[in-house]
N, C-alpha and C. Protein backbone atom coordinates (compact mmCIF):
# COMPACT_ATOMS: atom_id res chain seq x y z
N MET A 1 47.77 29.14 47.65
CA MET A 1 47.46 29.98 48.80
C MET A 1 47.67 29.09 50.08
N VAL A 2 47.42 29.66 51.22
CA VAL A 2 47.71 29.06 52.54
C VAL A 2 46.46 28.65 53.20
N ASP A 3 46.40 27.40 53.71
CA ASP A 3 45.32 26.95 54.51
C ASP A 3 45.78 26.74 55.95
N GLY A 4 44.97 27.06 56.88
CA GLY A 4 45.28 26.86 58.28
C GLY A 4 44.16 27.25 59.10
N PRO A 5 44.31 27.17 60.49
CA PRO A 5 43.18 27.45 61.36
C PRO A 5 42.70 28.89 61.28
N ASN A 6 43.53 29.86 60.97
CA ASN A 6 43.17 31.23 60.90
C ASN A 6 42.99 31.78 59.51
N THR A 7 42.79 30.92 58.51
CA THR A 7 42.64 31.40 57.17
C THR A 7 41.49 30.75 56.50
N LYS A 8 40.90 31.36 55.51
CA LYS A 8 39.89 30.76 54.68
C LYS A 8 40.62 30.13 53.50
N GLU A 9 40.06 29.07 52.96
CA GLU A 9 40.68 28.44 51.82
C GLU A 9 40.81 29.47 50.68
N GLY A 10 41.99 29.53 50.13
CA GLY A 10 42.27 30.41 48.98
C GLY A 10 42.64 31.80 49.41
N THR A 11 42.86 32.07 50.64
CA THR A 11 43.33 33.42 51.07
C THR A 11 44.72 33.35 51.64
N MET A 12 45.39 34.48 51.84
CA MET A 12 46.70 34.52 52.36
C MET A 12 46.69 35.45 53.61
N PRO A 13 47.27 35.02 54.73
CA PRO A 13 47.32 35.92 55.87
C PRO A 13 47.97 37.22 55.52
N ILE A 14 47.53 38.32 56.14
CA ILE A 14 48.05 39.62 55.82
C ILE A 14 49.53 39.72 56.00
N ALA A 15 50.12 39.16 57.09
CA ALA A 15 51.55 39.28 57.32
C ALA A 15 52.33 38.59 56.22
N LEU A 16 51.82 37.41 55.75
CA LEU A 16 52.44 36.75 54.68
C LEU A 16 52.40 37.46 53.39
N ALA A 17 51.23 38.07 53.14
CA ALA A 17 51.03 38.87 51.89
C ALA A 17 51.99 40.05 51.91
N ALA A 18 52.09 40.74 53.07
CA ALA A 18 52.97 41.87 53.17
C ALA A 18 54.43 41.51 52.97
N THR A 19 54.82 40.33 53.49
CA THR A 19 56.22 39.86 53.28
C THR A 19 56.44 39.53 51.83
N ALA A 20 55.47 38.92 51.16
CA ALA A 20 55.62 38.62 49.74
C ALA A 20 55.70 39.86 48.94
N TRP A 21 54.92 40.89 49.30
CA TRP A 21 54.98 42.16 48.54
C TRP A 21 56.30 42.85 48.70
N MET A 22 56.86 42.84 49.99
CA MET A 22 58.12 43.51 50.30
C MET A 22 59.29 42.74 49.58
N ALA A 23 59.15 41.47 49.33
CA ALA A 23 60.23 40.70 48.79
C ALA A 23 60.16 40.72 47.29
N ASP A 24 59.09 41.22 46.65
CA ASP A 24 58.95 41.18 45.19
C ASP A 24 59.72 42.36 44.61
N PRO A 25 60.80 42.17 43.89
CA PRO A 25 61.60 43.25 43.35
C PRO A 25 60.87 44.01 42.29
N ALA A 26 59.78 43.55 41.75
CA ALA A 26 59.06 44.29 40.71
C ALA A 26 58.16 45.35 41.28
N VAL A 27 57.87 45.32 42.62
CA VAL A 27 57.07 46.31 43.30
C VAL A 27 57.97 47.48 43.73
N PRO A 28 57.77 48.67 43.25
CA PRO A 28 58.61 49.84 43.51
C PRO A 28 58.41 50.21 45.05
N SER A 29 59.50 50.57 45.68
CA SER A 29 59.43 51.00 47.05
C SER A 29 60.05 52.42 47.07
N PRO A 30 59.61 53.21 48.06
CA PRO A 30 60.16 54.59 48.10
C PRO A 30 61.67 54.57 48.36
N ALA A 31 62.38 55.51 47.74
CA ALA A 31 63.81 55.58 47.90
C ALA A 31 64.11 56.15 49.35
N PRO A 32 65.20 55.64 49.91
CA PRO A 32 65.53 56.14 51.23
C PRO A 32 65.98 57.62 51.12
N PRO A 33 65.82 58.45 52.15
CA PRO A 33 66.25 59.81 52.04
C PRO A 33 67.76 59.91 51.81
N ARG A 34 68.16 60.79 50.99
CA ARG A 34 69.58 60.99 50.61
C ARG A 34 70.21 61.94 51.57
N THR A 35 71.30 61.55 52.16
CA THR A 35 72.05 62.44 53.04
C THR A 35 73.47 62.63 52.49
N HIS A 36 74.00 63.82 52.68
CA HIS A 36 75.32 64.12 52.14
C HIS A 36 76.27 64.38 53.32
N ILE A 37 77.55 64.34 53.06
CA ILE A 37 78.56 64.62 54.09
C ILE A 37 78.61 66.14 54.31
N CYS A 38 79.30 66.61 55.31
CA CYS A 38 79.53 68.00 55.54
C CYS A 38 78.28 68.77 55.88
N TRP A 39 77.26 68.12 56.46
CA TRP A 39 76.03 68.73 56.89
C TRP A 39 75.27 69.33 55.76
N ILE A 40 75.50 68.92 54.51
CA ILE A 40 74.84 69.45 53.36
C ILE A 40 73.51 68.77 53.13
N ASP A 41 72.43 69.53 53.06
CA ASP A 41 71.11 68.94 52.78
C ASP A 41 70.98 68.85 51.29
N HIS A 42 71.18 69.91 50.50
CA HIS A 42 71.19 69.85 49.03
C HIS A 42 71.89 71.08 48.49
N VAL A 43 72.16 71.00 47.19
CA VAL A 43 72.82 72.08 46.47
C VAL A 43 71.95 72.44 45.27
N GLY A 44 71.76 73.75 45.14
CA GLY A 44 70.86 74.24 44.04
C GLY A 44 71.67 75.25 43.23
N ARG A 45 71.18 75.46 41.97
CA ARG A 45 71.77 76.50 41.11
C ARG A 45 71.29 77.85 41.62
N ASP A 46 72.18 78.83 41.49
CA ASP A 46 71.83 80.21 41.90
C ASP A 46 72.59 81.17 40.91
N GLY A 47 71.90 81.55 39.88
CA GLY A 47 72.57 82.34 38.83
C GLY A 47 73.63 81.54 38.18
N SER A 48 74.83 82.08 38.10
CA SER A 48 75.99 81.38 37.49
C SER A 48 76.70 80.53 38.50
N GLY A 49 76.28 80.48 39.74
CA GLY A 49 76.93 79.75 40.82
C GLY A 49 75.99 78.69 41.41
N VAL A 50 76.21 78.40 42.66
CA VAL A 50 75.42 77.44 43.44
C VAL A 50 75.03 78.03 44.79
N ARG A 51 74.01 77.46 45.32
CA ARG A 51 73.62 77.73 46.71
C ARG A 51 73.69 76.39 47.48
N VAL A 52 74.47 76.30 48.57
CA VAL A 52 74.56 75.19 49.37
C VAL A 52 73.70 75.29 50.58
N PHE A 53 72.74 74.41 50.71
CA PHE A 53 71.78 74.41 51.78
C PHE A 53 72.19 73.39 52.83
N PHE A 54 72.26 73.84 54.10
CA PHE A 54 72.79 72.98 55.13
C PHE A 54 71.63 72.35 55.99
N SER A 55 71.89 71.19 56.58
CA SER A 55 70.93 70.56 57.44
C SER A 55 70.81 71.39 58.76
N SER A 56 69.77 71.14 59.49
CA SER A 56 69.53 71.88 60.76
C SER A 56 70.62 71.61 61.84
N SER A 57 71.39 70.54 61.66
CA SER A 57 72.46 70.18 62.64
C SER A 57 73.84 70.85 62.25
N ALA A 58 73.87 71.53 61.12
CA ALA A 58 75.22 72.11 60.68
C ALA A 58 75.74 73.21 61.65
N PRO A 59 77.00 73.19 61.84
CA PRO A 59 77.62 74.20 62.74
C PRO A 59 77.91 75.49 62.01
N THR A 60 76.88 76.08 61.41
CA THR A 60 76.98 77.29 60.67
C THR A 60 76.42 78.57 61.32
N GLY A 61 75.92 78.43 62.50
CA GLY A 61 75.26 79.54 63.13
C GLY A 61 73.80 79.42 62.93
N SER A 62 73.02 79.95 63.81
CA SER A 62 71.56 79.69 63.77
C SER A 62 70.86 80.45 62.60
N GLU A 63 71.45 81.51 62.09
CA GLU A 63 70.83 82.24 60.96
C GLU A 63 71.29 81.82 59.58
N GLN A 64 72.44 81.20 59.54
CA GLN A 64 73.04 80.88 58.18
C GLN A 64 72.67 79.48 57.84
N LYS A 65 71.67 79.29 57.02
CA LYS A 65 71.24 77.93 56.57
C LYS A 65 71.68 77.65 55.18
N SER A 66 72.32 78.67 54.47
CA SER A 66 72.77 78.40 53.08
C SER A 66 73.87 79.47 52.80
N VAL A 67 74.67 79.03 51.84
CA VAL A 67 75.73 80.00 51.30
C VAL A 67 75.74 79.93 49.79
N ARG A 68 76.11 80.98 49.20
CA ARG A 68 76.22 81.05 47.72
C ARG A 68 77.61 81.21 47.29
N GLY A 69 77.98 80.57 46.19
CA GLY A 69 79.33 80.75 45.72
C GLY A 69 79.46 80.49 44.24
N GLU A 70 80.48 81.03 43.64
CA GLU A 70 80.81 80.80 42.17
C GLU A 70 81.87 79.72 42.15
N VAL A 71 82.16 79.20 40.92
CA VAL A 71 83.23 78.22 40.75
C VAL A 71 84.54 78.76 41.38
N GLY A 72 85.12 77.90 42.18
CA GLY A 72 86.39 78.23 42.87
C GLY A 72 86.17 78.66 44.30
N ALA A 73 84.98 79.02 44.71
CA ALA A 73 84.75 79.42 46.13
C ALA A 73 84.94 78.22 46.94
N ARG A 74 85.43 78.47 48.26
CA ARG A 74 85.55 77.40 49.22
C ARG A 74 84.90 77.84 50.52
N PHE A 75 84.22 76.86 51.11
CA PHE A 75 83.56 77.08 52.45
C PHE A 75 84.15 76.00 53.37
N MET A 76 84.33 76.38 54.62
CA MET A 76 84.97 75.43 55.60
C MET A 76 84.23 75.34 56.87
N PRO A 77 83.01 74.74 56.91
CA PRO A 77 82.35 74.60 58.22
C PRO A 77 83.06 73.57 59.05
N ALA A 78 83.10 73.85 60.38
CA ALA A 78 83.77 72.93 61.33
C ALA A 78 83.00 72.76 62.56
N ASN A 79 82.93 71.57 63.08
CA ASN A 79 82.29 71.24 64.28
C ASN A 79 83.25 71.43 65.45
N SER A 80 84.56 71.20 65.24
CA SER A 80 85.62 71.37 66.18
C SER A 80 86.92 71.45 65.43
N SER A 81 88.04 71.65 66.16
CA SER A 81 89.30 71.68 65.42
C SER A 81 89.69 70.33 64.86
N HIS A 82 88.91 69.28 65.21
CA HIS A 82 89.18 67.91 64.75
C HIS A 82 88.09 67.27 63.87
N ASP A 83 87.13 68.10 63.57
CA ASP A 83 85.98 67.62 62.78
C ASP A 83 85.50 68.77 61.84
N GLY A 84 85.83 68.67 60.56
CA GLY A 84 85.45 69.78 59.64
C GLY A 84 85.35 69.36 58.23
N CYS A 85 85.11 70.31 57.40
CA CYS A 85 84.90 70.15 55.98
C CYS A 85 85.52 71.16 55.14
N VAL A 86 85.82 70.80 53.87
CA VAL A 86 86.11 71.82 52.90
C VAL A 86 85.11 71.59 51.72
N ILE A 87 84.35 72.57 51.40
CA ILE A 87 83.39 72.49 50.30
C ILE A 87 83.78 73.45 49.21
N THR A 88 84.06 72.90 48.08
CA THR A 88 84.61 73.75 46.90
C THR A 88 83.55 73.66 45.76
N VAL A 89 83.17 74.89 45.34
CA VAL A 89 82.31 74.97 44.17
C VAL A 89 83.09 74.68 42.89
N ALA A 90 82.59 73.78 42.07
CA ALA A 90 83.45 73.38 40.95
C ALA A 90 82.51 72.91 39.77
N ARG A 91 83.18 72.58 38.67
CA ARG A 91 82.50 71.85 37.55
C ARG A 91 83.12 70.49 37.40
N ASN A 92 82.25 69.53 37.22
CA ASN A 92 82.67 68.16 36.91
C ASN A 92 82.18 67.84 35.48
N GLY A 93 83.04 68.08 34.47
CA GLY A 93 82.57 68.03 33.10
C GLY A 93 81.70 69.20 32.87
N ASP A 94 80.42 68.93 32.46
CA ASP A 94 79.42 70.00 32.16
C ASP A 94 78.60 70.24 33.42
N GLU A 95 78.78 69.47 34.47
CA GLU A 95 77.92 69.54 35.65
C GLU A 95 78.48 70.55 36.68
N LEU A 96 77.64 71.45 37.19
CA LEU A 96 77.97 72.39 38.23
C LEU A 96 77.63 71.83 39.60
N GLY A 97 78.42 72.01 40.58
CA GLY A 97 78.10 71.42 41.92
C GLY A 97 79.21 71.71 42.93
N VAL A 98 79.30 70.91 43.99
CA VAL A 98 80.35 71.09 44.98
C VAL A 98 81.08 69.78 45.20
N ARG A 99 82.41 69.86 45.54
CA ARG A 99 83.16 68.75 45.99
C ARG A 99 83.27 68.98 47.48
N ALA A 100 82.72 68.05 48.29
CA ALA A 100 82.78 68.16 49.73
C ALA A 100 83.76 67.13 50.23
N GLU A 101 84.69 67.57 51.14
CA GLU A 101 85.63 66.68 51.71
C GLU A 101 85.59 66.82 53.23
N ALA A 102 85.11 65.77 53.88
CA ALA A 102 85.02 65.73 55.37
C ALA A 102 86.22 65.09 56.02
N SER A 103 86.69 65.60 57.11
CA SER A 103 87.83 64.96 57.81
C SER A 103 87.45 64.92 59.27
N PHE A 104 87.89 63.86 59.86
CA PHE A 104 87.67 63.60 61.37
C PHE A 104 88.92 62.95 61.95
N PHE A 105 89.39 63.58 63.06
CA PHE A 105 90.59 63.06 63.62
C PHE A 105 90.51 63.25 65.15
N LEU A 106 90.80 62.20 65.87
CA LEU A 106 90.87 62.24 67.37
C LEU A 106 92.31 61.96 67.77
N PRO A 107 93.07 62.91 68.08
CA PRO A 107 94.51 62.76 68.46
C PRO A 107 94.55 61.73 69.65
N GLY A 108 95.51 60.83 69.61
CA GLY A 108 95.69 59.90 70.66
C GLY A 108 94.84 58.66 70.46
N LEU A 109 93.76 58.76 69.72
CA LEU A 109 92.90 57.57 69.44
C LEU A 109 93.03 57.06 68.04
N MET A 110 93.41 58.01 67.13
CA MET A 110 93.53 57.59 65.71
C MET A 110 94.93 57.93 65.25
N GLN A 111 95.47 57.02 64.36
CA GLN A 111 96.77 57.24 63.75
C GLN A 111 96.78 58.28 62.69
N GLU A 112 95.70 58.32 61.90
CA GLU A 112 95.52 59.30 60.91
C GLU A 112 94.13 59.71 60.70
N PRO A 113 93.83 60.89 60.07
CA PRO A 113 92.44 61.25 59.98
C PRO A 113 91.60 60.40 59.07
N GLN A 114 90.36 60.36 59.34
CA GLN A 114 89.42 59.67 58.31
C GLN A 114 88.98 60.77 57.42
N VAL A 115 89.05 60.54 56.10
CA VAL A 115 88.66 61.51 55.06
C VAL A 115 87.70 60.87 54.12
N ARG A 116 86.58 61.55 53.89
CA ARG A 116 85.63 61.19 52.90
C ARG A 116 85.33 62.32 51.98
N SER A 117 85.14 61.93 50.70
CA SER A 117 84.90 62.98 49.68
C SER A 117 83.64 62.61 48.83
N GLU A 118 82.91 63.64 48.45
CA GLU A 118 81.69 63.40 47.71
C GLU A 118 81.43 64.51 46.76
N TRP A 119 81.03 64.19 45.52
CA TRP A 119 80.61 65.15 44.53
C TRP A 119 79.07 65.32 44.64
N ILE A 120 78.62 66.52 44.78
CA ILE A 120 77.19 66.80 44.90
C ILE A 120 76.81 67.73 43.77
N ALA A 121 76.04 67.26 42.77
CA ALA A 121 75.60 68.12 41.65
C ALA A 121 74.57 69.08 42.09
N ALA A 122 74.61 70.27 41.49
CA ALA A 122 73.58 71.30 41.77
C ALA A 122 72.30 70.91 41.04
N GLY A 123 71.23 70.82 41.77
CA GLY A 123 69.92 70.60 41.18
C GLY A 123 69.34 71.88 40.59
N GLY A 124 68.37 71.77 39.68
CA GLY A 124 67.78 72.86 39.03
C GLY A 124 67.36 73.91 39.92
């Protein structure tokens, strides 16, 4: 333990104890919140298809916070003509979900668009 002017023999200052706890890999810590591309909050099963739930910042209109689709359906939310997504309902093996592909391009500032893709499985 630590001895010093502000500690009792055999005790550890709170800040040092907290640092030791945070550094101990055996102590579980909460998982960081998961965010997805294309303004997707999460994807759930809806009958034989899926329902895609969007975050509050999604450019889908104030009333449309989710969309439903069957395998093969495509949704294309866009923030501008240079910032958008293609969301396709699909199967990945036995897993049902969506393939989201986000693209961003600033003409004159970028040589080619930035493209990111993510598979998001439908939760129960």
